Amino acid sequence: MKGFRAPSTIQSYNDRDDSIISNSSCLLIVVAAVLLILICVLTLREISRCILRYNVRFLFESAKAEASRLSKGLDKDELRKIPVTDQRRIQNLKATYM
């Protein structure tokens, strides 16, 4: 057979091993790049969903509804109804352990 050449030296085997290693490292780089792109795309998608969800709601809001939304708060009567504890009294309590 004229075209067939048997590998006669160790160098030809080493060349094959190097090409396999370089191919697998290239494949690893490509897989890592695809994974990074996927993470970036999903992150941008979630950011755009949040922006659209919260900004579209306020685009179609009337001036009266906006003023009502921004002026929300508690009146003085409502503030007085909130229970308040004296921190000095709590600090003087002795802890009991079982």
C-alpha atoms as a PDB file:
ATOM      1  CA  MET A   1       0.000   0.000   0.000  1.00  0.00           C
ATOM      2  CA  LYS A   2       1.488   3.266  -1.076  1.00  0.00           C
ATOM      3  CA  GLY A   3      -0.672   5.812   0.853  1.00  0.00           C
ATOM      4  CA  PHE A   4      -0.632   4.104   4.232  1.00  0.00           C
ATOM      5  CA  ARG A   5       2.050   5.152   6.718  1.00  0.00           C
ATOM      6  CA  ALA A   6       2.166   3.541  10.122  1.00  0.00           C
ATOM      7  CA  PRO A   7       3.091   5.805  13.033  1.00  0.00           C
ATOM      8  CA  SER A   8       6.749   5.015  13.514  1.00  0.00           C
ATOM      9  CA  THR A   9       7.726   7.436  16.238  1.00  0.00           C
ATOM     10  CA  ILE A  10       6.450   8.589  19.577  1.00  0.00           C
ATOM     11  CA  GLN A  11       6.302  12.148  18.216  1.00  0.00           C
ATOM     12  CA  SER A  12       3.272  11.364  16.046  1.00  0.00           C
ATOM     13  CA  TYR A  13       1.347  10.089  19.095  1.00  0.00           C
ATOM     14  CA  ASN A  14       2.243  13.223  21.043  1.00  0.00           C
ATOM     15  CA  ASP A  15       0.997  15.384  18.186  1.00  0.00           C
ATOM     16  CA  ARG A  16      -2.345  13.607  18.306  1.00  0.00           C
ATOM     17  CA  ASP A  17      -2.587  14.081  22.088  1.00  0.00           C
ATOM     18  CA  ASP A  18      -1.821  17.785  21.761  1.00  0.00           C
ATOM     19  CA  SER A  19      -4.509  18.232  19.140  1.00  0.00           C
ATOM     20  CA  ILE A  20      -7.039  16.451  21.337  1.00  0.00           C
ATOM     21  CA  ILE A  21      -6.130  18.665  24.298  1.00  0.00           C
ATOM     22  CA  SER A  22      -6.326  21.833  22.224  1.00  0.00           C
ATOM     23  CA  ASN A  23      -9.695  20.762  20.781  1.00  0.00           C
ATOM     24  CA  SER A  24     -11.104  20.022  24.216  1.00  0.00           C
ATOM     25  CA  SER A  25      -9.835  23.317  25.625  1.00  0.00           C
ATOM     26  CA  CYS A  26     -11.424  25.173  22.697  1.00  0.00           C
ATOM     27  CA  LEU A  27     -14.657  23.336  23.355  1.00  0.00           C
ATOM     28  CA  LEU A  28     -14.462  24.281  27.024  1.00  0.00           C
ATOM     29  CA  ILE A  29     -13.971  27.944  26.141  1.00  0.00           C
ATOM     30  CA  VAL A  30     -16.944  27.855  23.760  1.00  0.00           C
ATOM     31  CA  VAL A  31     -19.178  26.205  26.378  1.00  0.00           C
ATOM     32  CA  ALA A  32     -18.114  28.765  29.004  1.00  0.00           C
ATOM     33  CA  ALA A  33     -18.828  31.637  26.591  1.00  0.00           C
ATOM     34  CA  VAL A  34     -22.274  30.260  25.748  1.00  0.00           C
ATOM     35  CA  LEU A  35     -23.058  29.865  29.450  1.00  0.00           C
ATOM     36  CA  LEU A  36     -21.939  33.434  30.149  1.00  0.00           C
ATOM     37  CA  ILE A  37     -24.073  34.763  27.295  1.00  0.00           C
ATOM     38  CA  LEU A  38     -27.078  32.812  28.592  1.00  0.00           C
ATOM     39  CA  ILE A  39     -26.654  34.260  32.087  1.00  0.00           C
ATOM     40  CA  CYS A  40     -26.327  37.800  30.684  1.00  0.00           C
ATOM     41  CA  VAL A  41     -29.414  37.432  28.491  1.00  0.00           C
ATOM     42  CA  LEU A  42     -31.513  36.093  31.360  1.00  0.00           C
ATOM     43  CA  THR A  43     -30.341  38.899  33.646  1.00  0.00           C
ATOM     44  CA  LEU A  44     -31.171  41.572  31.068  1.00  0.00           C
ATOM     45  CA  ARG A  45     -34.569  39.963  30.524  1.00  0.00           C
ATOM     46  CA  GLU A  46     -35.400  40.129  34.226  1.00  0.00           C
ATOM     47  CA  ILE A  47     -34.215  43.732  34.487  1.00  0.00           C
ATOM     48  CA  SER A  48     -36.354  44.765  31.520  1.00  0.00           C
ATOM     49  CA  ARG A  49     -39.375  42.952  32.986  1.00  0.00           C
ATOM     50  CA  CYS A  50     -38.985  44.862  36.260  1.00  0.00           C
ATOM     51  CA  ILE A  51     -38.588  48.182  34.482  1.00  0.00           C
ATOM     52  CA  LEU A  52     -41.646  47.594  32.332  1.00  0.00           C
ATOM     53  CA  ARG A  53     -43.712  46.298  35.225  1.00  0.00           C
ATOM     54  CA  TYR A  54     -43.167  49.330  37.434  1.00  0.00           C
ATOM     55  CA  ASN A  55     -42.880  52.118  34.864  1.00  0.00           C
ATOM     56  CA  VAL A  56     -45.855  51.229  32.668  1.00  0.00           C
ATOM     57  CA  ARG A  57     -48.114  51.411  35.683  1.00  0.00           C
ATOM     58  CA  PHE A  58     -47.202  55.061  36.254  1.00  0.00           C
ATOM     59  CA  LEU A  59     -47.282  56.132  32.592  1.00  0.00           C
ATOM     60  CA  PHE A  60     -51.072  55.974  32.361  1.00  0.00           C
ATOM     61  CA  GLU A  61     -51.712  57.496  35.776  1.00  0.00           C
ATOM     62  CA  SER A  62     -53.661  60.756  35.991  1.00  0.00           C
ATOM     63  CA  ALA A  63     -52.345  63.766  37.894  1.00  0.00           C
ATOM     64  CA  LYS A  64     -54.989  63.281  40.582  1.00  0.00           C
ATOM     65  CA  ALA A  65     -54.068  59.625  41.065  1.00  0.00           C
ATOM     66  CA  GLU A  66     -50.383  60.519  41.236  1.00  0.00           C
ATOM     67  CA  ALA A  67     -50.994  63.183  43.874  1.00  0.00           C
ATOM     68  CA  SER A  68     -53.082  60.717  45.857  1.00  0.00           C
ATOM     69  CA  ARG A  69     -50.387  58.068  45.646  1.00  0.00           C
ATOM     70  CA  LEU A  70     -47.602  60.441  46.682  1.00  0.00           C
ATOM     71  CA  SER A  71     -49.493  62.040  49.585  1.00  0.00           C
ATOM     72  CA  LYS A  72     -50.112  58.782  51.416  1.00  0.00           C
ATOM     73  CA  GLY A  73     -49.059  58.854  55.028  1.00  0.00           C
ATOM     74  CA  LEU A  74     -50.283  58.561  58.583  1.00  0.00           C
ATOM     75  CA  ASP A  75     -52.258  61.231  60.366  1.00  0.00           C
ATOM     76  CA  LYS A  76     -51.335  62.291  63.896  1.00  0.00           C
ATOM     77  CA  ASP A  77     -54.284  60.364  65.301  1.00  0.00           C
ATOM     78  CA  GLU A  78     -53.105  57.201  63.575  1.00  0.00           C
ATOM     79  CA  LEU A  79     -49.558  57.743  64.824  1.00  0.00           C
ATOM     80  CA  ARG A  80     -50.809  58.007  68.412  1.00  0.00           C
ATOM     81  CA  LYS A  81     -52.554  54.636  68.060  1.00  0.00           C
ATOM     82  CA  ILE A  82     -49.263  52.823  67.402  1.00  0.00           C
ATOM     83  CA  PRO A  83     -48.132  51.044  70.592  1.00  0.00           C
ATOM     84  CA  VAL A  84     -44.846  52.353  71.975  1.00  0.00           C
ATOM     85  CA  THR A  85     -42.638  50.716  74.603  1.00  0.00           C
ATOM     86  CA  ASP A  86     -40.078  52.369  76.803  1.00  0.00           C
ATOM     87  CA  GLN A  87     -36.653  50.922  75.993  1.00  0.00           C
ATOM     88  CA  ARG A  88     -35.246  51.834  79.421  1.00  0.00           C
ATOM     89  CA  ARG A  89     -37.797  49.572  81.085  1.00  0.00           C
ATOM     90  CA  ILE A  90     -36.931  46.689  78.781  1.00  0.00           C
ATOM     91  CA  GLN A  91     -33.192  47.060  79.441  1.00  0.00           C
ATOM     92  CA  ASN A  92     -33.736  46.815  83.229  1.00  0.00           C
ATOM     93  CA  LEU A  93     -35.509  43.454  82.981  1.00  0.00           C
ATOM     94  CA  LYS A  94     -33.526  40.466  84.196  1.00  0.00           C
ATOM     95  CA  ALA A  95     -33.201  37.540  81.826  1.00  0.00           C
ATOM     96  CA  THR A  96     -34.347  34.219  83.200  1.00  0.00           C
ATOM     97  CA  TYR A  97     -32.913  30.951  81.954  1.00  0.00           C
ATOM     98  CA  MET A  98     -34.352  27.515  82.336  1.00  0.00           C
END
